Amino acid sequence: MSDYFKGQAPDLEITFMQKLHSEQVLGHVHDAWDIHTNKDRWWVITNPTNLYSQEQFPNLDYAITFHMGLCLRIPRDLKKRRSDRGLLPFGAVFSELEAANVALSQAVNVAGYQAVGMRSREALVTFIGVAQEWFSPEDGRELPKKADFKGWSEQMFDMLLSGRDQKDRRRLFKSLSKEAWDFAAWLTHAKSATWRDAEACLSTTEHIIGLASSLFILRMRSVPEECPECGSPDLQPEEGRHTEAPEIIWERPVCGNCGWTGTAVPIDEEEPNEELAELIQRYSAIEDDDACIIPDVPLRKLSSPESP
């Protein structure tokens, strides 16, 4: 926590700090710290971590309430866009799963149930097809054929869950993959298939794809299992843009405990925004220091732009 505060307020010297309160809201734990400095006092509230001047927020409950409001007041369309980006680059896979769900909702006979099996198998093949683009073989192992789902699953989980301490996790993921594939292959040709078979097939397929996609995305975005500075597992994604290419969206892991930040990687690209680009050029060209105001961190005073 001291490292986070020093990063946000490098001109202040911490004289005393203590954690006063922890509160769980909607499944997330938020810690509240009281930090004394050589000039003033601050609240620091985690998950995501932010700091608040005690001059502006003299009451801790008031600061926590304000912090919760910032966490919850995210526009719904922004939440959806971030959720969609969380699935990248497996968008095609989840499109296949959506088609399988449509097939299940319309299935009323054996042919319809078999179609769910076929769609589920297509989703699994699409998944390994996307994952192969990010897979780097180890130890000179011979690569399976492109559509060999079982073979690719074996090698992928050996890479993603390597090490003796991950033996049980590896076995679970491999078993789920094998059973999902075998059941989908059986359902595709089963003459005695029922709606429950189709539902079980799709549920199992969605389960393993969701788990495996999460593993891949964490690896692609260089997200460690825990913070390398303090060992906390409370790592949250933080998005940002670069002024030279504002249409590219970057993401990096941030520790909610100490403020450690990982390496930023590009995760998405939006259509060029002419208005945003023009705004950036306009302010990049300003040479007069008094022409605009860039607030210093930490923000010690809340005032309107017209205030002296």
C-alpha atoms as a PDB file:
ATOM      1  CA  MET A   1       0.000   0.000   0.000  1.00  0.00           C
ATOM      2  CA  SER A   2       2.864   2.378   0.766  1.00  0.00           C
ATOM      3  CA  ASP A   3       4.280   1.790  -2.743  1.00  0.00           C
ATOM      4  CA  TYR A   4       0.915   2.658  -4.301  1.00  0.00           C
ATOM      5  CA  PHE A   5       0.609   5.845  -2.251  1.00  0.00           C
ATOM      6  CA  LYS A   6       4.157   6.942  -3.050  1.00  0.00           C
ATOM      7  CA  GLY A   7       3.454   6.412  -6.724  1.00  0.00           C
ATOM      8  CA  GLN A   8       0.335   8.586  -6.515  1.00  0.00           C
ATOM      9  CA  ALA A   9       1.757  11.243  -4.185  1.00  0.00           C
ATOM     10  CA  PRO A  10       5.550  11.320  -4.587  1.00  0.00           C
ATOM     11  CA  ASP A  11       5.822  14.725  -2.858  1.00  0.00           C
ATOM     12  CA  LEU A  12       4.374  13.392   0.414  1.00  0.00           C
ATOM     13  CA  GLU A  13       6.107  11.456   3.180  1.00  0.00           C
ATOM     14  CA  ILE A  14       4.100   8.798   5.011  1.00  0.00           C
ATOM     15  CA  THR A  15       4.338   9.179   8.786  1.00  0.00           C
ATOM     16  CA  PHE A  16       1.685   6.652   9.802  1.00  0.00           C
ATOM     17  CA  MET A  17      -0.653   4.191   8.085  1.00  0.00           C
ATOM     18  CA  GLN A  18      -3.129   1.547   9.199  1.00  0.00           C
ATOM     19  CA  LYS A  19      -5.971  -0.516   7.754  1.00  0.00           C
ATOM     20  CA  LEU A  20      -9.179   0.513   9.487  1.00  0.00           C
ATOM     21  CA  HIS A  21     -11.942  -1.388   7.729  1.00  0.00           C
ATOM     22  CA  SER A  22     -12.782  -4.149   5.236  1.00  0.00           C
ATOM     23  CA  GLU A  23     -16.154  -4.441   3.579  1.00  0.00           C
ATOM     24  CA  GLN A  24     -17.521  -6.967   1.091  1.00  0.00           C
ATOM     25  CA  VAL A  25     -19.855  -5.581  -1.566  1.00  0.00           C
ATOM     26  CA  LEU A  26     -21.259  -7.753  -4.377  1.00  0.00           C
ATOM     27  CA  GLY A  27     -18.576 -10.379  -3.858  1.00  0.00           C
ATOM     28  CA  HIS A  28     -15.640  -7.928  -3.826  1.00  0.00           C
ATOM     29  CA  VAL A  29     -13.643  -7.069  -0.703  1.00  0.00           C
ATOM     30  CA  HIS A  30     -12.711  -3.403  -0.292  1.00  0.00           C
ATOM     31  CA  ASP A  31     -10.060  -2.423   2.293  1.00  0.00           C
ATOM     32  CA  ALA A  32      -9.925   1.111   3.716  1.00  0.00           C
ATOM     33  CA  TRP A  33      -6.599   2.556   4.883  1.00  0.00           C
ATOM     34  CA  ASP A  34      -5.923   5.672   6.938  1.00  0.00           C
ATOM     35  CA  ILE A  35      -2.663   7.302   5.816  1.00  0.00           C
ATOM     36  CA  HIS A  36      -1.000  10.218   7.606  1.00  0.00           C
ATOM     37  CA  THR A  37       1.636  12.268   5.796  1.00  0.00           C
ATOM     38  CA  ASN A  38       3.888  15.182   6.661  1.00  0.00           C
ATOM     39  CA  LYS A  39       1.253  17.528   5.160  1.00  0.00           C
ATOM     40  CA  ASP A  40      -2.215  15.963   5.340  1.00  0.00           C
ATOM     41  CA  ARG A  41      -4.239  12.753   5.710  1.00  0.00           C
ATOM     42  CA  TRP A  42      -5.762  10.417   3.140  1.00  0.00           C
ATOM     43  CA  TRP A  43      -8.137   7.489   2.779  1.00  0.00           C
ATOM     44  CA  VAL A  44      -7.007   4.760   0.404  1.00  0.00           C
ATOM     45  CA  ILE A  45      -9.724   2.287  -0.621  1.00  0.00           C
ATOM     46  CA  THR A  46      -8.974  -0.807  -2.697  1.00  0.00           C
ATOM     47  CA  ASN A  47     -10.498  -2.899  -5.483  1.00  0.00           C
ATOM     48  CA  PRO A  48      -9.961  -0.768  -7.542  1.00  0.00           C
ATOM     49  CA  THR A  49      -7.478   1.250  -5.493  1.00  0.00           C
ATOM     50  CA  ASN A  50      -8.081   4.979  -5.178  1.00  0.00           C
ATOM     51  CA  LEU A  51      -7.173   7.698  -2.696  1.00  0.00           C
ATOM     52  CA  TYR A  52      -9.327  10.434  -1.175  1.00  0.00           C
ATOM     53  CA  SER A  53      -8.294  13.521   0.757  1.00  0.00           C
ATOM     54  CA  GLN A  54      -9.666  13.475   4.301  1.00  0.00           C
ATOM     55  CA  GLU A  55     -10.179  17.214   3.968  1.00  0.00           C
ATOM     56  CA  GLN A  56     -12.709  16.517   1.215  1.00  0.00           C
ATOM     57  CA  PHE A  57     -14.004  13.288   2.804  1.00  0.00           C
ATOM     58  CA  PRO A  58     -13.721  13.687   6.597  1.00  0.00           C
ATOM     59  CA  ASN A  59     -15.969  10.673   7.204  1.00  0.00           C
ATOM     60  CA  LEU A  60     -14.783   7.195   6.203  1.00  0.00           C
ATOM     61  CA  ASP A  61     -18.326   5.935   5.512  1.00  0.00           C
ATOM     62  CA  TYR A  62     -18.817   8.878   3.162  1.00  0.00           C
ATOM     63  CA  ALA A  63     -15.569   8.029   1.335  1.00  0.00           C
ATOM     64  CA  ILE A  64     -16.518   4.341   1.005  1.00  0.00           C
ATOM     65  CA  THR A  65     -19.973   5.247  -0.278  1.00  0.00           C
ATOM     66  CA  PHE A  66     -18.426   7.580  -2.864  1.00  0.00           C
ATOM     67  CA  HIS A  67     -15.916   4.869  -3.844  1.00  0.00           C
ATOM     68  CA  MET A  68     -18.696   2.305  -4.290  1.00  0.00           C
ATOM     69  CA  GLY A  69     -20.536   4.797  -6.472  1.00  0.00           C
ATOM     70  CA  LEU A  70     -17.499   5.147  -8.743  1.00  0.00           C
ATOM     71  CA  CYS A  71     -17.264   1.356  -9.033  1.00  0.00           C
ATOM     72  CA  LEU A  72     -20.949   0.917  -9.853  1.00  0.00           C
ATOM     73  CA  ARG A  73     -21.569   3.959 -12.047  1.00  0.00           C
ATOM     74  CA  ILE A  74     -20.077   2.460 -15.213  1.00  0.00           C
ATOM     75  CA  PRO A  75     -22.352   2.931 -18.260  1.00  0.00           C
ATOM     76  CA  ARG A  76     -23.991  -0.321 -19.329  1.00  0.00           C
ATOM     77  CA  ASP A  77     -22.714  -0.047 -22.887  1.00  0.00           C
ATOM     78  CA  LEU A  78     -19.169   0.370 -21.558  1.00  0.00           C
ATOM     79  CA  LYS A  79     -19.613  -2.729 -19.384  1.00  0.00           C
ATOM     80  CA  LYS A  80     -20.760  -4.681 -22.427  1.00  0.00           C
ATOM     81  CA  ARG A  81     -17.842  -3.482 -24.574  1.00  0.00           C
ATOM     82  CA  ARG A  82     -15.375  -4.467 -21.869  1.00  0.00           C
ATOM     83  CA  SER A  83     -17.069  -7.837 -21.475  1.00  0.00           C
ATOM     84  CA  ASP A  84     -16.872  -8.395 -25.225  1.00  0.00           C
ATOM     85  CA  ARG A  85     -13.192  -7.492 -25.233  1.00  0.00           C
ATOM     86  CA  GLY A  86     -12.665 -10.018 -22.447  1.00  0.00           C
ATOM     87  CA  LEU A  87     -13.602 -12.760 -24.920  1.00  0.00           C
ATOM     88  CA  LEU A  88     -11.129 -11.677 -27.578  1.00  0.00           C
ATOM     89  CA  PRO A  89      -9.623 -13.352 -29.556  1.00  0.00           C
ATOM     90  CA  PHE A  90     -12.130 -16.202 -29.034  1.00  0.00           C
ATOM     91  CA  GLY A  91     -15.083 -14.321 -30.525  1.00  0.00           C
ATOM     92  CA  ALA A  92     -15.593 -16.921 -33.264  1.00  0.00           C
ATOM     93  CA  VAL A  93     -15.734 -19.658 -30.646  1.00  0.00           C
ATOM     94  CA  PHE A  94     -18.476 -17.965 -28.670  1.00  0.00           C
ATOM     95  CA  SER A  95     -20.377 -17.313 -31.893  1.00  0.00           C
ATOM     96  CA  GLU A  96     -20.376 -21.077 -32.437  1.00  0.00           C
ATOM     97  CA  LEU A  97     -21.642 -21.598 -28.894  1.00  0.00           C
ATOM     98  CA  GLU A  98     -24.406 -19.087 -29.488  1.00  0.00           C
ATOM     99  CA  ALA A  99     -25.437 -21.017 -32.603  1.00  0.00           C
ATOM    100  CA  ALA A 100     -25.457 -24.213 -30.546  1.00  0.00           C
ATOM    101  CA  ASN A 101     -27.728 -22.558 -27.982  1.00  0.00           C
ATOM    102  CA  VAL A 102     -30.113 -21.524 -30.752  1.00  0.00           C
ATOM    103  CA  ALA A 103     -30.103 -25.110 -32.055  1.00  0.00           C
ATOM    104  CA  LEU A 104     -30.909 -26.387 -28.560  1.00  0.00           C
ATOM    105  CA  SER A 105     -33.816 -23.958 -28.171  1.00  0.00           C
ATOM    106  CA  GLN A 106     -35.280 -25.172 -31.479  1.00  0.00           C
ATOM    107  CA  ALA A 107     -34.606 -28.901 -31.037  1.00  0.00           C
ATOM    108  CA  VAL A 108     -37.796 -31.003 -30.859  1.00  0.00           C
ATOM    109  CA  ASN A 109     -36.653 -34.364 -32.272  1.00  0.00           C
ATOM    110  CA  VAL A 110     -33.613 -36.608 -32.640  1.00  0.00           C
ATOM    111  CA  ALA A 111     -32.309 -34.707 -35.661  1.00  0.00           C
ATOM    112  CA  GLY A 112     -32.435 -31.474 -33.668  1.00  0.00           C
ATOM    113  CA  TYR A 113     -30.602 -33.042 -30.722  1.00  0.00           C
ATOM    114  CA  GLN A 114     -27.949 -34.404 -33.082  1.00  0.00           C
ATOM    115  CA  ALA A 115     -27.539 -30.897 -34.511  1.00  0.00           C
ATOM    116  CA  VAL A 116     -26.647 -29.641 -31.010  1.00  0.00           C
ATOM    117  CA  GLY A 117     -23.913 -32.294 -30.838  1.00  0.00           C
ATOM    118  CA  MET A 118     -22.579 -31.230 -34.217  1.00  0.00           C
ATOM    119  CA  ARG A 119     -22.612 -27.541 -33.217  1.00  0.00           C
ATOM    120  CA  SER A 120     -20.866 -28.340 -29.934  1.00  0.00           C
ATOM    121  CA  ARG A 121     -18.162 -30.263 -31.767  1.00  0.00           C
ATOM    122  CA  GLU A 122     -17.728 -27.339 -34.189  1.00  0.00           C
ATOM    123  CA  ALA A 123     -17.259 -24.996 -31.242  1.00  0.00           C
ATOM    124  CA  LEU A 124     -14.525 -27.237 -29.797  1.00  0.00           C
ATOM    125  CA  VAL A 125     -12.727 -27.455 -33.156  1.00  0.00           C
ATOM    126  CA  THR A 126     -12.983 -23.675 -33.580  1.00  0.00           C
ATOM    127  CA  PHE A 127     -11.524 -23.198 -30.104  1.00  0.00           C
ATOM    128  CA  ILE A 128      -8.390 -25.215 -30.785  1.00  0.00           C
ATOM    129  CA  GLY A 129      -8.092 -23.512 -34.180  1.00  0.00           C
ATOM    130  CA  VAL A 130      -7.897 -20.105 -32.497  1.00  0.00           C
ATOM    131  CA  ALA A 131      -5.696 -21.378 -29.675  1.00  0.00           C
ATOM    132  CA  GLN A 132      -3.189 -22.858 -32.145  1.00  0.00           C
ATOM    133  CA  GLU A 133      -2.303 -19.327 -33.278  1.00  0.00           C
ATOM    134  CA  TRP A 134      -1.021 -18.572 -29.770  1.00  0.00           C
ATOM    135  CA  PHE A 135       0.444 -21.961 -28.957  1.00  0.00           C
ATOM    136  CA  SER A 136       4.202 -22.480 -28.853  1.00  0.00           C
ATOM    137  CA  PRO A 137       5.232 -26.170 -28.767  1.00  0.00           C
ATOM    138  CA  GLU A 138       7.741 -27.147 -26.105  1.00  0.00           C
ATOM    139  CA  ASP A 139      10.454 -29.799 -25.944  1.00  0.00           C
ATOM    140  CA  GLY A 140      10.293 -30.451 -29.691  1.00  0.00           C
ATOM    141  CA  ARG A 141       7.010 -32.371 -29.420  1.00  0.00           C
ATOM    142  CA  GLU A 142       5.338 -33.261 -32.689  1.00  0.00           C
ATOM    143  CA  LEU A 143       2.218 -31.198 -33.266  1.00  0.00           C
ATOM    144  CA  PRO A 144      -1.118 -33.002 -33.719  1.00  0.00           C
ATOM    145  CA  LYS A 145      -3.203 -32.649 -36.857  1.00  0.00           C
ATOM    146  CA  LYS A 146      -5.076 -29.365 -37.087  1.00  0.00           C
ATOM    147  CA  ALA A 147      -8.499 -30.792 -36.178  1.00  0.00           C
ATOM    148  CA  ASP A 148      -7.220 -33.267 -33.550  1.00  0.00           C
ATOM    149  CA  PHE A 149      -8.985 -31.763 -30.551  1.00  0.00           C
ATOM    150  CA  LYS A 150      -7.789 -34.368 -28.049  1.00  0.00           C
ATOM    151  CA  GLY A 151      -4.177 -34.147 -29.170  1.00  0.00           C
ATOM    152  CA  TRP A 152      -4.130 -30.358 -29.031  1.00  0.00           C
ATOM    153  CA  SER A 153      -5.848 -30.338 -25.644  1.00  0.00           C
ATOM    154  CA  GLU A 154      -3.150 -32.602 -24.201  1.00  0.00           C
ATOM    155  CA  GLN A 155      -0.332 -30.343 -25.361  1.00  0.00           C
ATOM    156  CA  MET A 156      -2.075 -27.056 -24.573  1.00  0.00           C
ATOM    157  CA  PHE A 157      -2.887 -27.928 -20.981  1.00  0.00           C
ATOM    158  CA  ASP A 158       0.617 -29.335 -20.497  1.00  0.00           C
ATOM    159  CA  MET A 159       1.866 -25.852 -21.440  1.00  0.00           C
ATOM    160  CA  LEU A 160      -0.746 -23.722 -19.655  1.00  0.00           C
ATOM    161  CA  LEU A 161      -0.739 -25.806 -16.463  1.00  0.00           C
ATOM    162  CA  SER A 162       2.852 -26.973 -16.318  1.00  0.00           C
ATOM    163  CA  GLY A 163       4.642 -28.106 -13.188  1.00  0.00           C
ATOM    164  CA  ARG A 164       4.205 -30.803 -10.570  1.00  0.00           C
ATOM    165  CA  ASP A 165       1.989 -28.635  -8.344  1.00  0.00           C
ATOM    166  CA  GLN A 166      -0.558 -28.292 -11.155  1.00  0.00           C
ATOM    167  CA  LYS A 167      -0.919 -32.023 -11.817  1.00  0.00           C
ATOM    168  CA  ASP A 168      -4.493 -32.213 -10.497  1.00  0.00           C
ATOM    169  CA  ARG A 169      -5.596 -29.115 -12.419  1.00  0.00           C
ATOM    170  CA  ARG A 170      -4.063 -30.545 -15.576  1.00  0.00           C
ATOM    171  CA  ARG A 171      -5.882 -33.845 -15.114  1.00  0.00           C
ATOM    172  CA  LEU A 172      -9.206 -32.051 -14.564  1.00  0.00           C
ATOM    173  CA  PHE A 173      -8.906 -29.899 -17.697  1.00  0.00           C
ATOM    174  CA  LYS A 174      -7.806 -32.825 -19.847  1.00  0.00           C
ATOM    175  CA  SER A 175     -10.621 -35.025 -18.551  1.00  0.00           C
ATOM    176  CA  LEU A 176     -13.251 -32.342 -19.154  1.00  0.00           C
ATOM    177  CA  SER A 177     -11.945 -31.795 -22.687  1.00  0.00           C
ATOM    178  CA  LYS A 178     -11.930 -35.498 -23.547  1.00  0.00           C
ATOM    179  CA  GLU A 179     -15.417 -36.115 -22.141  1.00  0.00           C
ATOM    180  CA  ALA A 180     -16.877 -33.048 -23.857  1.00  0.00           C
ATOM    181  CA  TRP A 181     -15.468 -34.137 -27.218  1.00  0.00           C
ATOM    182  CA  ASP A 182     -16.489 -37.804 -26.870  1.00  0.00           C
ATOM    183  CA  PHE A 183     -20.029 -36.943 -25.772  1.00  0.00           C
ATOM    184  CA  ALA A 184     -20.504 -34.423 -28.603  1.00  0.00           C
ATOM    185  CA  ALA A 185     -19.237 -37.008 -31.116  1.00  0.00           C
ATOM    186  CA  TRP A 186     -21.641 -39.604 -29.710  1.00  0.00           C
ATOM    187  CA  LEU A 187     -24.611 -37.225 -29.725  1.00  0.00           C
ATOM    188  CA  THR A 188     -24.001 -36.239 -33.347  1.00  0.00           C
ATOM    189  CA  HIS A 189     -24.899 -39.799 -34.460  1.00  0.00           C
ATOM    190  CA  ALA A 190     -27.030 -41.076 -31.545  1.00  0.00           C
ATOM    191  CA  LYS A 191     -30.385 -42.500 -32.696  1.00  0.00           C
ATOM    192  CA  SER A 192     -31.702 -42.508 -29.126  1.00  0.00           C
ATOM    193  CA  ALA A 193     -30.717 -38.919 -28.306  1.00  0.00           C
ATOM    194  CA  THR A 194     -32.974 -36.877 -26.007  1.00  0.00           C
ATOM    195  CA  TRP A 195     -33.274 -33.197 -25.157  1.00  0.00           C
ATOM    196  CA  ARG A 196     -31.448 -33.834 -21.877  1.00  0.00           C
ATOM    197  CA  ASP A 197     -28.533 -35.326 -23.809  1.00  0.00           C
ATOM    198  CA  ALA A 198     -28.359 -32.213 -25.964  1.00  0.00           C
ATOM    199  CA  GLU A 199     -28.498 -29.942 -22.920  1.00  0.00           C
ATOM    200  CA  ALA A 200     -25.750 -31.929 -21.145  1.00  0.00           C
ATOM    201  CA  CYS A 201     -23.573 -31.847 -24.260  1.00  0.00           C
ATOM    202  CA  LEU A 202     -23.815 -28.085 -24.691  1.00  0.00           C
ATOM    203  CA  SER A 203     -23.348 -27.358 -20.980  1.00  0.00           C
ATOM    204  CA  THR A 204     -20.179 -29.478 -20.850  1.00  0.00           C
ATOM    205  CA  THR A 205     -18.831 -27.857 -24.013  1.00  0.00           C
ATOM    206  CA  GLU A 206     -19.478 -24.333 -22.710  1.00  0.00           C
ATOM    207  CA  HIS A 207     -17.858 -25.212 -19.388  1.00  0.00           C
ATOM    208  CA  ILE A 208     -14.525 -26.441 -20.769  1.00  0.00           C
ATOM    209  CA  ILE A 209     -14.332 -23.690 -23.409  1.00  0.00           C
ATOM    210  CA  GLY A 210     -14.953 -21.032 -20.762  1.00  0.00           C
ATOM    211  CA  LEU A 211     -12.278 -22.415 -18.439  1.00  0.00           C
ATOM    212  CA  ALA A 212      -9.713 -22.955 -21.201  1.00  0.00           C
ATOM    213  CA  SER A 213     -10.334 -19.538 -22.793  1.00  0.00           C
ATOM    214  CA  SER A 214      -9.722 -17.869 -19.448  1.00  0.00           C
ATOM    215  CA  LEU A 215      -6.379 -19.668 -19.117  1.00  0.00           C
ATOM    216  CA  PHE A 216      -5.307 -18.601 -22.597  1.00  0.00           C
ATOM    217  CA  ILE A 217      -6.344 -14.975 -22.156  1.00  0.00           C
ATOM    218  CA  LEU A 218      -4.428 -14.668 -18.888  1.00  0.00           C
ATOM    219  CA  ARG A 219      -1.337 -16.115 -20.579  1.00  0.00           C
ATOM    220  CA  MET A 220      -1.658 -13.877 -23.656  1.00  0.00           C
ATOM    221  CA  ARG A 221      -2.057 -10.767 -21.502  1.00  0.00           C
ATOM    222  CA  SER A 222       0.891 -11.673 -19.233  1.00  0.00           C
ATOM    223  CA  VAL A 223      -1.227 -11.792 -16.074  1.00  0.00           C
ATOM    224  CA  PRO A 224       0.579 -13.572 -13.212  1.00  0.00           C
ATOM    225  CA  GLU A 225      -1.198 -15.771 -10.675  1.00  0.00           C
ATOM    226  CA  GLU A 226      -0.371 -13.248  -7.955  1.00  0.00           C
ATOM    227  CA  CYS A 227       1.256  -9.847  -7.576  1.00  0.00           C
ATOM    228  CA  PRO A 228       5.050 -10.208  -7.867  1.00  0.00           C
ATOM    229  CA  GLU A 229       5.516  -7.350  -5.380  1.00  0.00           C
ATOM    230  CA  CYS A 230       3.200  -8.256  -2.496  1.00  0.00           C
ATOM    231  CA  GLY A 231       1.856 -11.720  -3.380  1.00  0.00           C
ATOM    232  CA  SER A 232      -1.789 -10.596  -3.461  1.00  0.00           C
ATOM    233  CA  PRO A 233      -4.138 -12.443  -5.879  1.00  0.00           C
ATOM    234  CA  ASP A 234      -6.231  -9.250  -6.208  1.00  0.00           C
ATOM    235  CA  LEU A 235      -5.225  -8.373  -9.780  1.00  0.00           C
ATOM    236  CA  GLN A 236      -7.633  -6.249 -11.801  1.00  0.00           C
ATOM    237  CA  PRO A 237      -7.505  -5.320 -15.523  1.00  0.00           C
ATOM    238  CA  GLU A 238      -6.885  -1.648 -16.350  1.00  0.00           C
ATOM    239  CA  GLU A 239      -7.524  -0.256 -19.824  1.00  0.00           C
ATOM    240  CA  GLY A 240      -5.792   2.691 -21.468  1.00  0.00           C
ATOM    241  CA  ARG A 241      -4.982   4.369 -24.770  1.00  0.00           C
ATOM    242  CA  HIS A 242      -1.938   6.051 -26.262  1.00  0.00           C
ATOM    243  CA  THR A 243      -2.281   9.557 -27.662  1.00  0.00           C
ATOM    244  CA  GLU A 244      -0.481   8.613 -30.878  1.00  0.00           C
ATOM    245  CA  ALA A 245      -2.952   5.798 -31.655  1.00  0.00           C
ATOM    246  CA  PRO A 246      -6.119   6.374 -29.579  1.00  0.00           C
ATOM    247  CA  GLU A 247      -8.095   3.738 -31.483  1.00  0.00           C
ATOM    248  CA  ILE A 248      -5.935   0.941 -29.997  1.00  0.00           C
ATOM    249  CA  ILE A 249      -7.038  -0.256 -26.558  1.00  0.00           C
ATOM    250  CA  TRP A 250      -4.363  -1.506 -24.174  1.00  0.00           C
ATOM    251  CA  GLU A 251      -4.760  -3.498 -20.985  1.00  0.00           C
ATOM    252  CA  ARG A 252      -2.469  -4.273 -18.070  1.00  0.00           C
ATOM    253  CA  PRO A 253      -2.937  -6.037 -14.710  1.00  0.00           C
ATOM    254  CA  VAL A 254      -2.994  -3.815 -11.621  1.00  0.00           C
ATOM    255  CA  CYS A 255      -2.681  -5.019  -8.032  1.00  0.00           C
ATOM    256  CA  GLY A 256      -5.540  -3.762  -5.889  1.00  0.00           C
ATOM    257  CA  ASN A 257      -3.382  -4.145  -2.774  1.00  0.00           C
ATOM    258  CA  CYS A 258      -0.090  -2.392  -3.528  1.00  0.00           C
ATOM    259  CA  GLY A 259      -0.717  -0.721  -6.904  1.00  0.00           C
ATOM    260  CA  TRP A 260       1.801  -2.807  -8.890  1.00  0.00           C
ATOM    261  CA  THR A 261       1.210  -2.610 -12.635  1.00  0.00           C
ATOM    262  CA  GLY A 262       2.134  -5.216 -15.234  1.00  0.00           C
ATOM    263  CA  THR A 263       3.031  -4.922 -18.904  1.00  0.00           C
ATOM    264  CA  ALA A 264       0.388  -3.344 -21.136  1.00  0.00           C
ATOM    265  CA  VAL A 265      -0.655  -5.342 -24.202  1.00  0.00           C
ATOM    266  CA  PRO A 266      -2.986  -4.346 -27.079  1.00  0.00           C
ATOM    267  CA  ILE A 267      -6.338  -6.127 -26.762  1.00  0.00           C
ATOM    268  CA  ASP A 268      -8.655  -4.417 -29.243  1.00  0.00           C
ATOM    269  CA  GLU A 269      -8.863  -1.792 -31.974  1.00  0.00           C
ATOM    270  CA  GLU A 270     -11.834   0.438 -32.604  1.00  0.00           C
ATOM    271  CA  GLU A 271     -12.778   2.469 -35.643  1.00  0.00           C
ATOM    272  CA  PRO A 272     -10.725   5.697 -35.876  1.00  0.00           C
ATOM    273  CA  ASN A 273     -12.469   8.527 -34.050  1.00  0.00           C
ATOM    274  CA  GLU A 274     -11.913  11.768 -35.960  1.00  0.00           C
ATOM    275  CA  GLU A 275     -13.266  13.920 -33.136  1.00  0.00           C
ATOM    276  CA  LEU A 276     -10.944  12.305 -30.591  1.00  0.00           C
ATOM    277  CA  ALA A 277      -7.944  12.561 -32.928  1.00  0.00           C
ATOM    278  CA  GLU A 278      -8.669  16.250 -33.569  1.00  0.00           C
ATOM    279  CA  LEU A 279      -8.946  16.915 -29.841  1.00  0.00           C
ATOM    280  CA  ILE A 280      -5.594  15.234 -29.189  1.00  0.00           C
ATOM    281  CA  GLN A 281      -3.879  17.200 -31.970  1.00  0.00           C
ATOM    282  CA  ARG A 282      -5.348  20.458 -30.700  1.00  0.00           C
ATOM    283  CA  TYR A 283      -4.030  20.025 -27.191  1.00  0.00           C
ATOM    284  CA  SER A 284      -0.738  18.524 -28.327  1.00  0.00           C
ATOM    285  CA  ALA A 285      -0.065  21.748 -30.255  1.00  0.00           C
ATOM    286  CA  ILE A 286      -0.563  24.003 -27.230  1.00  0.00           C
ATOM    287  CA  GLU A 287       2.708  25.532 -26.065  1.00  0.00           C
ATOM    288  CA  ASP A 288       1.352  28.060 -23.575  1.00  0.00           C
ATOM    289  CA  ASP A 289       1.490  26.551 -20.094  1.00  0.00           C
ATOM    290  CA  ASP A 290      -1.475  28.684 -19.012  1.00  0.00           C
ATOM    291  CA  ALA A 291      -3.690  27.627 -21.904  1.00  0.00           C
ATOM    292  CA  CYS A 292      -5.016  24.565 -20.104  1.00  0.00           C
ATOM    293  CA  ILE A 293      -4.865  22.914 -16.720  1.00  0.00           C
ATOM    294  CA  ILE A 294      -3.567  19.403 -16.074  1.00  0.00           C
ATOM    295  CA  PRO A 295      -4.389  18.419 -12.490  1.00  0.00           C
ATOM    296  CA  ASP A 296      -1.581  17.103 -10.349  1.00  0.00           C
ATOM    297  CA  VAL A 297      -1.813  13.760  -8.574  1.00  0.00           C
ATOM    298  CA  PRO A 298      -3.027  13.534  -5.884  1.00  0.00           C
ATOM    299  CA  LEU A 299      -6.008  15.847  -6.305  1.00  0.00           C
ATOM    300  CA  ARG A 300      -6.235  17.850  -3.076  1.00  0.00           C
ATOM    301  CA  LYS A 301      -9.027  20.237  -3.943  1.00  0.00           C
ATOM    302  CA  LEU A 302     -12.386  19.965  -5.670  1.00  0.00           C
ATOM    303  CA  SER A 303     -13.089  23.180  -7.581  1.00  0.00           C
ATOM    304  CA  SER A 304     -14.823  24.346 -10.730  1.00  0.00           C
ATOM    305  CA  PRO A 305     -12.768  25.507 -13.760  1.00  0.00           C
ATOM    306  CA  GLU A 306     -13.850  29.101 -13.065  1.00  0.00           C
ATOM    307  CA  SER A 307     -12.415  29.079  -9.542  1.00  0.00           C
ATOM    308  CA  PRO A 308      -9.339  31.301  -9.072  1.00  0.00           C
END
